[in-house]
Protein backbone atom coordinates (compact mmCIF):
# COMPACT_ATOMS: atom_id res chain seq x y z
CA MET A 1 -9.35 0.16 -43.23
CA ILE A 2 -10.22 -3.20 -44.76
CA THR A 3 -9.21 -6.43 -43.06
CA THR A 4 -7.58 -8.96 -45.40
CA PRO A 5 -6.75 -12.60 -44.80
CA PRO A 6 -3.53 -12.93 -42.79
CA TYR A 7 -0.62 -12.73 -45.21
CA TRP A 8 0.49 -16.24 -44.30
CA LEU A 9 -2.97 -17.72 -44.94
CA ASP A 10 -3.95 -15.84 -48.07
CA GLY A 11 -5.16 -18.49 -50.52
CA ALA A 12 -4.80 -21.41 -48.09
CA SER A 13 -7.19 -24.28 -48.79
CA PRO A 14 -8.69 -26.76 -46.29
CA ILE A 15 -6.66 -29.81 -45.36
CA ALA A 16 -9.61 -31.82 -44.02
CA GLY A 17 -13.39 -31.71 -43.86
CA PRO A 18 -15.62 -31.08 -40.82
CA LEU A 19 -16.55 -33.63 -38.17
CA GLU A 20 -19.67 -35.62 -39.01
CA GLY A 21 -21.14 -38.52 -37.10
CA ARG A 22 -19.49 -40.37 -34.21
CA VAL A 23 -15.74 -40.87 -33.93
CA GLU A 24 -13.91 -42.87 -31.29
CA ALA A 25 -10.27 -42.28 -30.38
CA ASP A 26 -7.86 -42.72 -27.52
CA VAL A 27 -7.21 -38.98 -27.39
CA VAL A 28 -8.91 -35.96 -28.94
CA VAL A 29 -6.90 -32.78 -29.44
CA ILE A 30 -8.74 -29.45 -29.65
CA GLY A 31 -6.98 -26.64 -31.48
CA ALA A 32 -4.87 -26.83 -34.66
CA GLY A 33 -2.17 -24.30 -33.94
CA VAL A 34 1.47 -25.09 -33.29
CA CYS A 35 0.76 -26.67 -29.88
CA GLY A 36 -2.05 -28.88 -31.17
CA ALA A 37 0.03 -29.87 -34.19
CA SER A 38 2.87 -30.96 -31.93
CA ALA A 39 0.59 -32.95 -29.64
CA ALA A 40 -1.26 -34.67 -32.48
CA TRP A 41 1.99 -35.44 -34.28
CA ALA A 42 3.68 -36.92 -31.20
CA LEU A 43 0.67 -39.00 -30.19
CA ASN A 44 0.21 -40.45 -33.64
CA GLU A 45 3.91 -41.27 -33.99
CA ALA A 46 3.63 -43.17 -30.68
CA GLY A 47 0.72 -45.23 -32.01
CA VAL A 48 -2.01 -43.45 -30.02
CA SER A 49 -5.34 -43.24 -31.85
CA THR A 50 -5.85 -39.49 -32.28
CA ALA A 51 -8.74 -37.28 -33.38
CA TRP A 52 -7.97 -33.61 -33.91
CA VAL A 53 -10.67 -30.93 -33.96
CA GLU A 54 -10.30 -27.31 -35.09
CA ALA A 55 -13.00 -24.62 -35.04
CA ARG A 56 -11.77 -23.01 -38.27
CA GLY A 57 -8.78 -24.06 -40.34
CA VAL A 58 -5.32 -25.28 -39.38
CA SER A 59 -3.24 -22.34 -38.04
CA SER A 60 -6.20 -19.98 -38.36
CA GLY A 61 -5.64 -18.55 -34.88
CA ALA A 62 -2.52 -16.90 -33.47
CA SER A 63 -0.30 -19.58 -35.02
CA GLY A 64 -1.08 -18.23 -38.49
CA ARG A 65 -1.42 -14.57 -37.57
CA ASN A 66 1.95 -13.71 -35.99
CA ALA A 67 5.21 -12.40 -37.44
CA GLY A 68 6.92 -15.79 -37.68
CA PHE A 69 9.61 -15.15 -35.06
CA VAL A 70 11.21 -18.16 -33.36
CA LEU A 71 12.75 -16.42 -30.36
CA GLN A 72 14.27 -17.59 -27.11
CA GLY A 73 12.99 -16.47 -23.76
CA THR A 74 9.65 -15.16 -22.56
CA ALA A 75 7.87 -11.88 -23.20
CA GLU A 76 9.99 -10.39 -20.40
CA ARG A 77 13.57 -9.31 -21.08
CA TYR A 78 16.10 -11.59 -19.43
CA SER A 79 17.02 -9.08 -16.72
CA ARG A 80 13.37 -8.73 -15.72
CA ALA A 81 12.82 -12.48 -15.88
CA VAL A 82 15.74 -12.94 -13.49
CA ALA A 83 14.34 -10.28 -11.14
CA ILE A 84 10.84 -11.78 -11.20
CA THR A 85 11.51 -15.52 -11.11
CA GLY A 86 15.08 -15.84 -9.87
CA ARG A 87 18.27 -16.60 -11.77
CA GLU A 88 17.98 -20.37 -11.96
CA ARG A 89 14.35 -20.48 -13.10
CA ALA A 90 14.96 -17.74 -15.65
CA ARG A 91 17.92 -19.68 -17.03
CA MET A 92 15.88 -22.91 -17.17
CA VAL A 93 12.94 -21.24 -18.95
CA HIS A 94 15.29 -19.58 -21.43
CA GLN A 95 16.98 -22.89 -22.16
CA THR A 96 13.59 -24.54 -22.68
CA SER A 97 12.81 -22.08 -25.47
CA ARG A 98 16.13 -22.93 -27.14
CA GLU A 99 15.24 -26.62 -26.94
CA ASN A 100 11.86 -25.79 -28.47
CA HIS A 101 13.57 -24.09 -31.42
CA ALA A 102 15.87 -27.07 -31.93
CA ALA A 103 12.91 -29.47 -31.89
CA MET A 104 11.04 -27.39 -34.47
CA ALA A 105 14.11 -27.20 -36.72
CA ALA A 106 14.47 -30.99 -36.46
CA VAL A 107 10.89 -31.68 -37.58
CA ILE A 108 11.25 -29.17 -40.44
CA ARG A 109 14.27 -31.17 -41.64
CA GLU A 110 12.64 -34.54 -41.00
CA LEU A 111 9.47 -33.74 -42.93
CA GLY A 112 11.05 -31.45 -45.51
CA ILE A 113 8.59 -28.65 -44.70
CA ASP A 114 8.98 -25.70 -47.07
CA CYS A 115 8.24 -22.85 -44.65
CA GLY A 116 10.98 -20.30 -45.31
CA TYR A 117 12.84 -21.30 -42.15
CA MET A 118 16.01 -19.30 -41.54
CA GLN A 119 18.30 -18.93 -38.55
CA ARG A 120 19.67 -15.42 -38.97
CA GLY A 121 19.32 -14.39 -35.35
CA SER A 122 17.21 -11.55 -33.99
CA LEU A 123 17.91 -7.96 -33.04
CA GLN A 124 16.52 -6.13 -30.00
CA LEU A 125 16.57 -2.33 -30.29
CA ALA A 126 16.37 0.22 -27.49
CA CYS A 127 13.89 3.08 -27.83
CA SER A 128 14.97 4.99 -24.71
CA GLU A 129 17.86 5.33 -22.31
CA ALA A 130 16.00 3.21 -19.75
CA GLU A 131 15.44 0.45 -22.28
CA GLU A 132 19.07 0.70 -23.38
CA ALA A 133 20.20 0.06 -19.80
CA GLU A 134 17.82 -2.90 -19.57
CA LEU A 135 19.11 -4.32 -22.86
CA LEU A 136 22.73 -4.03 -21.78
CA GLU A 137 22.01 -5.64 -18.42
CA SER A 138 20.14 -8.49 -20.11
CA ALA A 139 22.96 -9.02 -22.61
CA GLU A 140 25.49 -9.36 -19.80
CA LEU A 141 23.30 -11.78 -17.83
CA LEU A 142 22.70 -13.88 -20.94
CA ARG A 143 26.43 -14.18 -21.59
CA GLU A 144 27.09 -15.10 -17.97
CA ASP A 145 24.49 -17.86 -18.20
CA GLY A 146 25.94 -19.28 -21.42
CA PHE A 147 23.57 -17.79 -23.99
CA CYS A 148 24.30 -15.73 -27.10
CA SER A 149 24.18 -11.94 -26.94
CA GLU A 150 26.17 -9.37 -28.91
CA VAL A 151 25.84 -5.67 -28.15
CA ARG A 152 25.84 -3.44 -31.24
CA THR A 153 26.42 0.29 -30.97
CA GLY A 154 28.01 2.91 -33.20
CA ASP A 155 29.14 1.53 -36.55
CA ALA A 156 28.49 -2.02 -35.32
CA LEU A 157 24.75 -1.26 -35.51
CA GLU A 158 23.59 -1.37 -39.12
CA ALA A 159 23.07 2.01 -40.79
CA VAL A 160 19.42 1.26 -41.57
CA TYR A 161 18.67 1.37 -37.82
CA ARG A 162 20.92 4.32 -36.99
CA GLU A 163 19.26 6.37 -39.74
CA ALA A 164 15.87 5.56 -38.19
CA GLY A 165 17.00 6.93 -34.83
CA PHE A 166 18.15 3.82 -33.00
CA ARG A 167 21.58 3.74 -31.38
CA THR A 168 21.83 0.48 -29.41
CA GLY A 169 20.89 -3.09 -30.21
CA VAL A 170 21.55 -6.61 -28.97
CA HIS A 171 21.86 -9.41 -31.52
CA ILE A 172 20.87 -12.95 -30.51
CA ALA A 173 22.62 -15.10 -33.09
CA ASP A 174 20.71 -18.37 -32.80
CA ASP A 175 17.12 -17.12 -33.09
CA GLY A 176 15.08 -18.01 -36.16
CA GLU A 177 12.12 -17.15 -38.36
CA LEU A 178 9.64 -18.92 -40.64
CA ASP A 179 6.28 -18.75 -42.33
CA PRO A 180 4.20 -19.86 -39.33
CA ALA A 181 1.20 -21.13 -41.26
CA ARG A 182 3.27 -23.14 -43.73
CA PHE A 183 5.05 -24.76 -40.81
CA VAL A 184 1.90 -25.76 -38.91
CA ARG A 185 0.06 -26.79 -42.07
CA GLY A 186 3.07 -28.83 -43.14
CA VAL A 187 3.02 -30.75 -39.88
CA ALA A 188 -0.76 -31.18 -40.11
CA SER A 189 -0.58 -32.56 -43.65
CA ALA A 190 2.11 -35.02 -42.62
CA ALA A 191 0.11 -36.08 -39.57
CA VAL A 192 -3.02 -36.68 -41.64
CA SER A 193 -1.02 -38.73 -44.14
CA ARG A 194 0.13 -40.93 -41.25
CA GLY A 195 -3.30 -41.52 -39.76
CA VAL A 196 -4.37 -38.58 -37.60
CA ARG A 197 -8.07 -37.88 -38.09
CA LEU A 198 -8.25 -34.12 -38.52
CA PHE A 199 -11.55 -32.23 -38.63
CA GLU A 200 -11.51 -28.55 -39.64
CA ASN A 201 -14.40 -26.08 -39.43
CA SER A 202 -15.78 -27.95 -36.43
CA PRO A 203 -16.33 -25.63 -33.44
CA VAL A 204 -16.86 -27.51 -30.19
CA VAL A 205 -20.33 -26.84 -28.81
CA SER A 206 -19.99 -28.95 -25.67
CA LEU A 207 -17.23 -30.79 -23.83
CA GLU A 208 -17.62 -33.27 -21.00
CA ALA A 209 -14.56 -34.79 -19.36
CA PRO A 210 -15.70 -35.99 -15.94
CA SER A 211 -12.96 -38.60 -15.72
CA PRO A 212 -10.16 -40.19 -17.74
CA GLY A 213 -11.80 -42.69 -20.02
CA ASP A 214 -15.01 -40.71 -20.33
CA VAL A 215 -14.58 -37.74 -22.66
CA ARG A 216 -17.42 -36.60 -24.91
CA LEU A 217 -16.97 -33.74 -27.35
CA ARG A 218 -19.76 -32.49 -29.57
CA THR A 219 -19.81 -30.23 -32.61
CA ALA A 220 -22.77 -29.16 -34.73
CA HIS A 221 -22.72 -32.34 -36.80
CA GLY A 222 -20.66 -34.88 -34.90
CA GLU A 223 -19.16 -36.11 -31.69
CA VAL A 224 -15.92 -37.66 -30.46
CA HIS A 225 -15.70 -40.18 -27.64
CA ALA A 226 -12.20 -40.52 -26.19
CA GLN A 227 -10.19 -41.44 -23.12
CA LEU A 228 -8.62 -37.99 -22.76
CA VAL A 229 -8.93 -34.52 -24.29
CA LEU A 230 -6.01 -32.15 -24.83
CA LEU A 231 -6.86 -28.43 -24.83
CA CYS A 232 -4.51 -26.58 -27.18
CA THR A 233 -6.74 -23.57 -27.67
CA ASN A 234 -4.58 -20.86 -26.02
CA ALA A 235 -6.63 -17.61 -25.94
CA TRP A 236 -9.91 -19.55 -26.10
CA ALA A 237 -9.02 -21.92 -23.26
CA GLY A 238 -11.48 -20.41 -20.80
CA GLU A 239 -14.42 -21.04 -23.11
CA LEU A 240 -14.00 -24.81 -22.68
CA ALA A 241 -12.35 -24.96 -19.26
CA PRO A 242 -13.79 -22.46 -16.76
CA TRP A 243 -10.81 -22.88 -14.41
CA LEU A 244 -8.58 -21.35 -17.08
CA ALA A 245 -10.82 -18.34 -17.74
CA ASP A 246 -9.04 -16.14 -15.19
CA LYS A 247 -5.59 -17.63 -15.89
CA VAL A 248 -5.34 -16.87 -19.64
CA ASP A 249 -6.36 -13.48 -21.05
CA PRO A 250 -7.12 -13.00 -24.78
CA VAL A 251 -5.02 -10.14 -26.11
CA ARG A 252 -5.19 -8.86 -29.69
CA GLY A 253 -2.20 -8.07 -31.89
CA GLN A 254 -2.27 -5.88 -35.02
CA MET A 255 -0.32 -6.89 -38.15
CA LEU A 256 0.36 -5.65 -41.66
CA ALA A 257 2.47 -6.75 -44.62
CA THR A 258 3.85 -4.69 -47.49
CA ALA A 259 4.59 -5.34 -51.13
CA PRO A 260 8.08 -6.79 -51.73
CA VAL A 261 11.00 -4.38 -51.41
CA PRO A 262 14.77 -4.84 -51.89
CA PRO A 263 16.67 -6.41 -48.95
CA LEU A 264 16.66 -4.06 -45.95
CA PHE A 265 16.49 -6.00 -42.68
CA ALA A 266 18.91 -8.87 -42.10
CA CYS A 267 16.95 -10.56 -39.31
CA PRO A 268 13.79 -10.25 -37.19
CA VAL A 269 13.72 -7.09 -35.07
CA TYR A 270 11.80 -6.04 -32.00
CA ALA A 271 11.89 -2.79 -30.09
CA ASP A 272 10.15 -0.83 -27.35
CA HIS A 273 10.19 -3.75 -24.91
CA GLY A 274 8.83 -6.09 -27.60
CA PHE A 275 5.74 -4.01 -28.35
CA ASP A 276 7.06 -3.25 -31.88
CA TYR A 277 8.36 -6.02 -34.13
CA TRP A 278 9.07 -6.60 -37.79
CA ARG A 279 11.02 -8.65 -40.29
CA GLN A 280 11.54 -9.08 -44.01
CA ASP A 281 10.50 -12.49 -45.26
CA GLU A 282 12.04 -14.65 -47.97
CA PHE A 283 10.00 -12.84 -50.65
CA GLY A 284 11.04 -9.35 -49.59
CA ARG A 285 7.80 -8.35 -47.85
CA ILE A 286 7.96 -6.41 -44.59
CA VAL A 287 5.77 -8.02 -41.93
CA LEU A 288 5.15 -5.58 -39.09
CA GLY A 289 3.16 -5.90 -35.89
CA GLY A 290 2.55 -4.64 -32.38
CA TRP A 291 1.93 -1.19 -30.90
CA ARG A 292 -0.64 -2.74 -28.56
CA ASN A 293 0.65 -0.47 -25.78
CA LEU A 294 -0.96 2.52 -27.52
CA ASP A 295 -4.40 1.32 -26.46
CA PRO A 296 -4.07 -1.81 -24.31
CA GLU A 297 -7.63 -1.84 -23.00
CA SER A 298 -9.19 -1.91 -26.46
CA GLU A 299 -6.83 -4.68 -27.56
CA LYS A 300 -8.39 -7.25 -25.24
CA GLY A 301 -10.77 -9.99 -26.35
CA THR A 302 -10.96 -12.58 -29.11
CA ALA A 303 -12.44 -10.43 -31.90
CA GLU A 304 -9.94 -10.30 -34.77
CA VAL A 305 -10.67 -6.70 -35.71
CA LEU A 306 -8.44 -3.87 -36.89
CA HIS A 307 -7.58 -0.92 -34.68
CA PRO A 308 -7.36 2.00 -37.15
CA GLY A 309 -5.23 4.13 -34.82
CA ILE A 310 -2.65 1.40 -34.29
CA GLN A 311 -2.62 0.47 -37.96
CA SER A 312 -1.99 4.13 -38.85
CA ARG A 313 0.83 4.36 -36.33
CA MET A 314 2.45 1.27 -37.82
CA GLU A 315 2.37 2.89 -41.25
CA GLU A 316 3.94 6.01 -39.78
CA PHE A 317 6.69 3.87 -38.32
CA LEU A 318 7.48 2.40 -41.74
CA ALA A 319 8.18 5.93 -42.94
CA ARG A 320 11.08 6.18 -40.48
CA PHE A 321 12.97 4.07 -43.02
CA PRO A 322 13.49 6.05 -46.26
CA ALA A 323 13.41 2.90 -48.39
CA LEU A 324 9.89 2.10 -47.13
CA ARG A 325 8.25 5.47 -47.66
CA GLY A 326 5.30 5.00 -49.97
CA VAL A 327 5.57 1.20 -50.11
CA PRO A 328 2.07 -0.28 -50.55
CA VAL A 329 0.47 -2.17 -47.67
CA THR A 330 -1.08 -5.31 -49.14
CA HIS A 331 -2.41 -7.09 -46.05
CA ARG A 332 -3.88 -5.99 -42.71
CA TRP A 333 -5.11 -8.38 -40.05
CA ALA A 334 -5.33 -9.01 -36.32
CA GLY A 335 -4.79 -12.09 -34.21
CA THR A 336 -5.56 -13.13 -30.65
CA MET A 337 -2.86 -14.32 -28.28
CA GLY A 338 -3.32 -16.00 -24.89
CA PHE A 339 -1.46 -14.20 -22.09
CA SER A 340 -1.01 -16.10 -18.85
CA ARG A 341 -1.05 -14.22 -15.56
CA ASP A 342 2.68 -14.84 -14.94
CA SER A 343 3.84 -14.79 -18.61
CA MET A 344 4.66 -18.51 -18.50
CA PRO A 345 2.95 -21.36 -20.36
CA ILE A 346 0.41 -23.41 -18.41
CA VAL A 347 0.81 -27.15 -18.95
CA GLY A 348 -0.90 -30.08 -17.29
CA ALA A 349 -4.08 -31.00 -15.46
CA VAL A 350 -7.22 -28.85 -15.62
CA PRO A 351 -9.12 -28.63 -12.32
CA GLY A 352 -12.80 -29.24 -12.94
CA LEU A 353 -12.11 -31.39 -16.02
CA PRO A 354 -10.48 -34.60 -14.76
CA GLY A 355 -10.34 -36.08 -18.25
CA ALA A 356 -8.47 -33.10 -19.71
CA LEU A 357 -4.93 -31.81 -20.03
CA ALA A 358 -4.01 -28.37 -21.37
CA ALA A 359 -1.08 -26.42 -22.78
CA VAL A 360 -2.01 -22.74 -23.12
CA GLY A 361 -0.99 -19.21 -22.14
CA PHE A 362 2.08 -18.69 -24.34
CA THR A 363 1.97 -14.90 -23.92
CA GLY A 364 3.02 -13.90 -27.42
CA HIS A 365 5.83 -16.47 -27.62
CA GLY A 366 3.98 -19.50 -28.95
CA PHE A 367 6.74 -20.33 -31.39
CA GLY A 368 9.18 -20.12 -28.50
CA PHE A 369 7.47 -22.72 -26.31
CA ALA A 370 4.36 -24.33 -27.80
CA TRP A 371 6.02 -27.11 -29.80
CA LEU A 372 7.69 -28.59 -26.71
CA CYS A 373 4.56 -28.02 -24.62
CA GLY A 374 2.43 -29.92 -27.12
CA ALA A 375 4.93 -32.77 -27.02
CA ALA A 376 4.81 -32.61 -23.22
CA LEU A 377 1.06 -33.28 -23.32
CA ALA A 378 1.74 -36.37 -25.43
CA GLU A 379 4.29 -37.49 -22.82
CA LEU A 380 1.76 -36.99 -20.03
CA VAL A 381 -0.75 -39.11 -21.93
CA GLN A 382 1.69 -41.97 -22.40
CA GLU A 383 3.95 -41.81 -19.35
CA GLY A 384 2.05 -39.73 -16.82
CA THR A 385 5.06 -37.46 -16.42
CA SER A 386 7.01 -34.87 -18.41
CA ASP A 387 9.99 -32.68 -17.54
CA VAL A 388 8.62 -29.80 -19.64
CA ALA A 389 5.19 -30.09 -18.03
CA ASP A 390 6.86 -29.98 -14.62
CA ARG A 391 8.56 -26.70 -15.57
CA PHE A 392 5.22 -25.06 -16.38
CA ARG A 393 2.84 -27.06 -14.21
CA SER A 394 -0.73 -25.79 -14.25
CA ARG A 395 -1.10 -26.61 -10.57
CA ARG A 396 1.12 -23.66 -9.64
CA PHE A 397 -2.01 -21.52 -9.75
CA ALA A 398 -3.95 -23.92 -7.54
CA ASP A 399 -1.02 -24.03 -5.11
């Protein structure tokens, strides 16, 4: 199987050139995914001199390699989140993801970003009786806590899913979807136009942050001197901050996209406890990903390589839907996510790097949390405090 560019990035051109020479800034942001875009945008809008460094291109990591879901909640179903963290914390985390969605929608409107944003909800499908019970329990808990959830069974579940063997689903009406790369690149272009100094294709070769006010970042052809550094590198966090190496695990996800087909799926869908997920974008293409649970050990690490067995299984899954049998697959790619040890984002100080702050470990739900977490870093820089950072404080691991 041949790897192609991610569907969302096929044909994308650079926004900025590489770092050359010496640059001075108040803050340097490393990583140009959704979190880094949020941090750079917020800092610049507040008048903070900002340099922004990316190893490849804007959204070239997980932010441009996912399915474009804007979902609420964590990787855990709500019933499991309640059991693991307690009812109040689960409710607070869930609400944070809803606030994140609202903030992203607001900036899309403010900047007029053409990224195929839609708010058609999402559908969770059960693949077993055990998962069905978990879905129904989660739906009830969500309603009790004031969140949307609509159980669909029998004729209430669309025929396309019943014909593929599913019998129970839960629809979350206020979830969304978008072209992830067009969103992040849209923010980046706007930030550059307003004064952010962005440097693409500039891998960091060394980082020193012994104290606030003394940050030195070097690339192959340049260096940045700043007061603070913000690490927005998610799966690669441990490469720059050793303390994070055993807190954030790089986990690979497989993806494919098909040629356009007539309308089939009305909203983003995920099944089998979130291991399988797909949607139909604004152009009619089916974007499908997941199945990591088939071989979890081999899907660890930062190499963006295809897993032939998983890719084949995804194609077999497409054939469960008669309308998709024989549809050509036009794109195949992989992306690396950063999974935290407790499935929650990690935001705040970085032990061992006093001049650094980080927002990483989004555990497959970067578009559910990363925009607010990037903004939280900007708040920490300016105010020294942030409600969102307090919710996901990095020091919980040190404690």
